Amino acid sequence: MSPLNNRVRDLRNRQSLSVAQLAGQIGVSRLTLHALESGLYTPSLPLAVRLARALNHPVEDLFAI
């Protein structure tokens, strides 16, 4: 299975959020968020929705196959 491309790091940086800040907002560890941003972890649908809400973007803007 190929990694899921995402814009999470870019959108997080645009909002001047640290990994720790965003991870705390969505209820995951910094390590989990880092793995997600690096394409090493594919989020569950509920986590993807929490990310989208925290970053004020639709889920479709965050992820691409």
Protein backbone atom coordinates (compact mmCIF):
# COMPACT_ATOMS: atom_id res chain seq x y z
CA MET A 1 0.00 0.00 0.00
CA SER A 2 1.45 3.37 -0.99
CA PRO A 3 1.68 6.19 1.56
CA LEU A 4 -1.08 8.75 1.75
CA ASN A 5 0.22 12.14 0.64
CA ASN A 6 -0.87 14.99 2.86
CA ARG A 7 -0.53 18.73 3.40
CA VAL A 8 -0.77 18.60 7.19
CA ARG A 9 2.77 19.89 7.87
CA ASP A 10 2.37 22.74 5.38
CA LEU A 11 -1.01 23.81 6.80
CA ARG A 12 0.24 23.48 10.38
CA ASN A 13 3.25 25.67 9.61
CA ARG A 14 1.08 28.27 7.87
CA GLN A 15 -0.89 28.60 11.10
CA SER A 16 2.32 28.81 13.16
CA LEU A 17 1.38 25.72 15.17
CA SER A 18 4.02 23.44 16.62
CA VAL A 19 3.70 19.68 16.36
CA ALA A 20 2.99 19.60 20.09
CA GLN A 21 0.25 22.24 19.85
CA LEU A 22 -1.61 20.53 17.00
CA ALA A 23 -1.14 17.09 18.51
CA GLY A 24 -2.67 18.35 21.76
CA GLN A 25 -5.63 19.88 19.92
CA ILE A 26 -6.48 16.64 18.13
CA GLY A 27 -5.66 14.28 21.00
CA VAL A 28 -2.64 12.37 19.68
CA SER A 29 1.03 12.23 20.61
CA ARG A 30 3.65 14.35 18.88
CA LEU A 31 5.17 11.13 17.54
CA THR A 32 1.86 10.11 15.95
CA LEU A 33 1.44 13.51 14.31
CA HIS A 34 5.03 13.44 13.05
CA ALA A 35 4.50 9.97 11.56
CA LEU A 36 1.28 11.18 9.92
CA GLU A 37 2.99 14.26 8.44
CA SER A 38 5.81 12.06 7.13
CA GLY A 39 3.40 9.69 5.41
CA LEU A 40 4.31 6.79 7.71
CA TYR A 41 0.87 6.65 9.33
CA THR A 42 -2.57 6.76 7.73
CA PRO A 43 -5.12 8.36 10.07
CA SER A 44 -8.50 6.92 10.87
CA LEU A 45 -11.48 8.83 9.54
CA PRO A 46 -12.29 10.38 12.95
CA LEU A 47 -8.68 11.56 13.30
CA ALA A 48 -8.69 12.98 9.76
CA VAL A 49 -11.86 14.93 10.60
CA ARG A 50 -10.32 16.27 13.83
CA LEU A 51 -7.26 17.37 11.86
CA ALA A 52 -9.37 19.08 9.22
CA ARG A 53 -11.36 20.95 11.87
CA ALA A 54 -8.21 22.00 13.75
CA LEU A 55 -6.62 23.28 10.53
CA ASN A 56 -9.85 24.87 9.22
CA HIS A 57 -9.74 22.98 5.93
CA PRO A 58 -11.91 20.24 4.42
CA VAL A 59 -10.52 16.72 4.73
CA GLU A 60 -10.19 16.62 0.94
CA ASP A 61 -7.65 19.48 1.12
CA LEU A 62 -5.46 17.60 3.58
CA PHE A 63 -5.03 14.24 1.87
CA ALA A 64 -4.44 12.87 -1.62
CA ILE A 65 -3.83 9.36 -2.89
